[in-house]
Protein backbone atom coordinates (compact mmCIF):
# COMPACT_ATOMS: atom_id res chain seq x y z
CA UNK A 1 0.00 0.00 0.00
CA UNK A 2 2.85 2.36 0.86
CA UNK A 3 4.36 1.84 -2.61
CA UNK A 4 1.03 1.83 -4.47
CA UNK A 5 1.38 -1.80 -5.58
CA UNK A 6 -2.23 -2.85 -5.17
CA UNK A 7 -1.69 -6.14 -7.06
CA UNK A 8 0.59 -7.25 -4.23
CA UNK A 9 -1.95 -6.02 -1.69
CA UNK A 10 -4.65 -8.17 -3.34
CA UNK A 11 -2.28 -11.16 -3.53
CA UNK A 12 -1.74 -11.14 0.24
CA UNK A 13 -5.35 -10.38 1.17
CA UNK A 14 -7.45 -13.29 2.44
CA UNK A 15 -9.17 -14.67 -0.71
CA UNK A 16 -12.78 -14.41 0.58
CA UNK A 17 -12.17 -10.69 1.20
CA UNK A 18 -10.87 -10.27 -2.35
CA UNK A 19 -13.97 -12.11 -3.59
CA UNK A 20 -16.26 -9.84 -1.50
CA UNK A 21 -14.64 -6.88 -3.24
CA UNK A 22 -15.48 -8.27 -6.67
CA UNK A 23 -12.14 -9.94 -7.43
CA UNK A 24 -8.53 -8.82 -7.48
CA UNK A 25 -8.89 -6.29 -10.31
CA UNK A 26 -11.91 -4.63 -8.71
CA UNK A 27 -10.17 -4.58 -5.33
CA UNK A 28 -7.10 -2.95 -6.89
CA UNK A 29 -9.24 -0.29 -8.60
CA UNK A 30 -11.24 0.39 -5.41
CA UNK A 31 -8.11 0.78 -3.28
CA UNK A 32 -6.41 2.92 -5.93
CA UNK A 33 -9.44 5.26 -6.07
CA UNK A 34 -9.61 5.48 -2.26
CA UNK A 35 -5.90 6.23 -2.02
CA UNK A 36 -6.17 8.95 -4.68
CA UNK A 37 -9.00 10.54 -2.70
CA UNK A 38 -6.95 10.45 0.49
CA UNK A 39 -3.93 11.92 -1.29
CA UNK A 40 -6.11 14.78 -2.58
CA UNK A 41 -6.98 15.50 1.06
CA UNK A 42 -3.31 15.64 2.06
CA UNK A 43 -2.98 12.10 3.43
CA UNK A 44 -0.03 9.91 2.47
CA UNK A 45 1.41 6.65 3.76
CA UNK A 46 5.13 6.81 4.41
CA UNK A 47 6.13 3.51 5.98
CA UNK A 48 4.78 0.30 7.44
CA UNK A 49 6.38 -1.96 10.04
CA UNK A 50 5.14 -5.05 11.81
CA UNK A 51 5.32 -6.45 15.32
CA UNK A 52 6.00 -10.06 16.21
CA UNK A 53 3.27 -12.55 15.30
CA UNK A 54 1.30 -14.09 18.13
CA UNK A 55 1.28 -17.83 18.80
CA UNK A 56 0.06 -19.77 15.77
CA UNK A 57 -3.07 -21.81 16.37
CA UNK A 58 -4.64 -24.50 14.20
CA UNK A 59 -8.36 -24.35 13.42
CA UNK A 60 -9.61 -26.91 10.91
CA UNK A 61 -7.32 -26.74 7.88
CA UNK A 62 -6.03 -23.28 8.78
CA UNK A 63 -3.10 -21.93 10.75
CA UNK A 64 -4.03 -18.59 12.32
CA UNK A 65 -2.18 -15.83 14.10
CA UNK A 66 -2.26 -12.08 14.52
CA UNK A 67 0.37 -9.46 13.91
CA UNK A 68 0.45 -5.74 14.72
CA UNK A 69 0.81 -3.42 11.75
CA UNK A 70 2.22 0.08 12.37
CA UNK A 71 1.36 2.42 9.51
CA UNK A 72 3.12 5.78 9.41
CA UNK A 73 0.92 8.44 7.82
CA UNK A 74 1.41 12.05 6.91
CA UNK A 75 -1.74 14.15 7.27
CA UNK A 76 -0.91 17.63 6.09
CA UNK A 77 1.78 18.79 8.57
CA UNK A 78 1.21 16.00 11.11
CA UNK A 79 2.92 12.64 11.17
CA UNK A 80 0.90 9.86 12.81
CA UNK A 81 1.42 6.16 13.46
CA UNK A 82 -1.70 4.03 13.38
CA UNK A 83 -1.47 0.53 14.84
CA UNK A 84 -3.93 -2.11 13.72
CA UNK A 85 -4.13 -5.87 13.99
CA UNK A 86 -3.88 -8.19 11.01
CA UNK A 87 -5.23 -11.72 11.21
CA UNK A 88 -2.82 -14.02 9.38
CA UNK A 89 -4.18 -17.21 7.82
CA UNK A 90 -2.42 -20.09 6.08
CA UNK A 91 -4.24 -22.98 4.41
CA UNK A 92 -1.05 -24.71 3.26
CA UNK A 93 0.57 -25.42 6.63
CA UNK A 94 2.48 -22.14 6.78
CA UNK A 95 4.00 -22.11 3.29
CA UNK A 96 2.07 -18.95 2.39
CA UNK A 97 -0.06 -16.51 4.37
CA UNK A 98 -2.87 -14.10 3.61
CA UNK A 99 -4.14 -11.31 5.85
CA UNK A 100 -7.24 -9.48 7.01
CA UNK A 101 -6.91 -6.00 8.49
CA UNK A 102 -9.25 -5.74 11.48
CA UNK A 103 -9.12 -1.95 11.83
CA UNK A 104 -12.53 -0.28 12.01
CA UNK A 105 -14.22 -3.66 12.47
CA UNK A 106 -15.99 -5.03 15.53
CA UNK A 107 -15.75 -8.73 16.44
CA UNK A 108 -19.16 -9.46 14.89
CA UNK A 109 -17.93 -8.15 11.53
CA UNK A 110 -14.60 -9.93 11.86
CA UNK A 111 -16.40 -13.23 12.55
CA UNK A 112 -18.57 -12.71 9.44
CA UNK A 113 -15.42 -12.29 7.36
CA UNK A 114 -13.58 -15.08 9.20
CA UNK A 115 -16.22 -17.60 10.31
CA UNK A 116 -13.49 -20.18 11.05
CA UNK A 117 -11.58 -17.81 13.37
CA UNK A 118 -10.33 -19.65 16.44
CA UNK A 119 -11.67 -18.52 19.79
CA UNK A 120 -7.99 -18.49 20.87
CA UNK A 121 -7.35 -15.53 18.56
CA UNK A 122 -7.82 -12.21 20.32
CA UNK A 123 -8.01 -8.84 18.62
CA UNK A 124 -6.84 -5.97 20.83
CA UNK A 125 -9.16 -2.96 21.00
CA UNK A 126 -8.47 -0.24 18.44
CA UNK A 127 -6.18 2.53 19.58
CA UNK A 128 -6.21 6.09 18.28
CA UNK A 129 -3.30 7.10 16.04
CA UNK A 130 -0.25 8.45 17.85
CA UNK A 131 1.30 11.75 16.73
CA UNK A 132 5.07 11.58 16.25
CA UNK A 133 7.65 14.31 15.71
């Protein structure tokens, strides 16, 4: 997302989410349009870093974990870091992983997107962005 490569974003997004968005091409176009709108309002994404993944749990044919994503944003003259939680899912025993960003979603919505989500997986409450110098 930081580099504007929305094909890669779609590739690593949990396939049912891509399908809900009308397929990879539609997802790419939707994200590109949203990003252009944000850029027009003075918002840009400068960097993304990740925390350590939580313990991997097995649920059915899936391996599941969470990982914190720290997204550095520039909003006009302010630099902010927004932390959100990604749910990581592998259906091939950890060879490859896809992700669902849980930001701006309550647990009911997350469970609709991820009906197989293990009850061992916890999503920390959303935190407001932190202003940095």
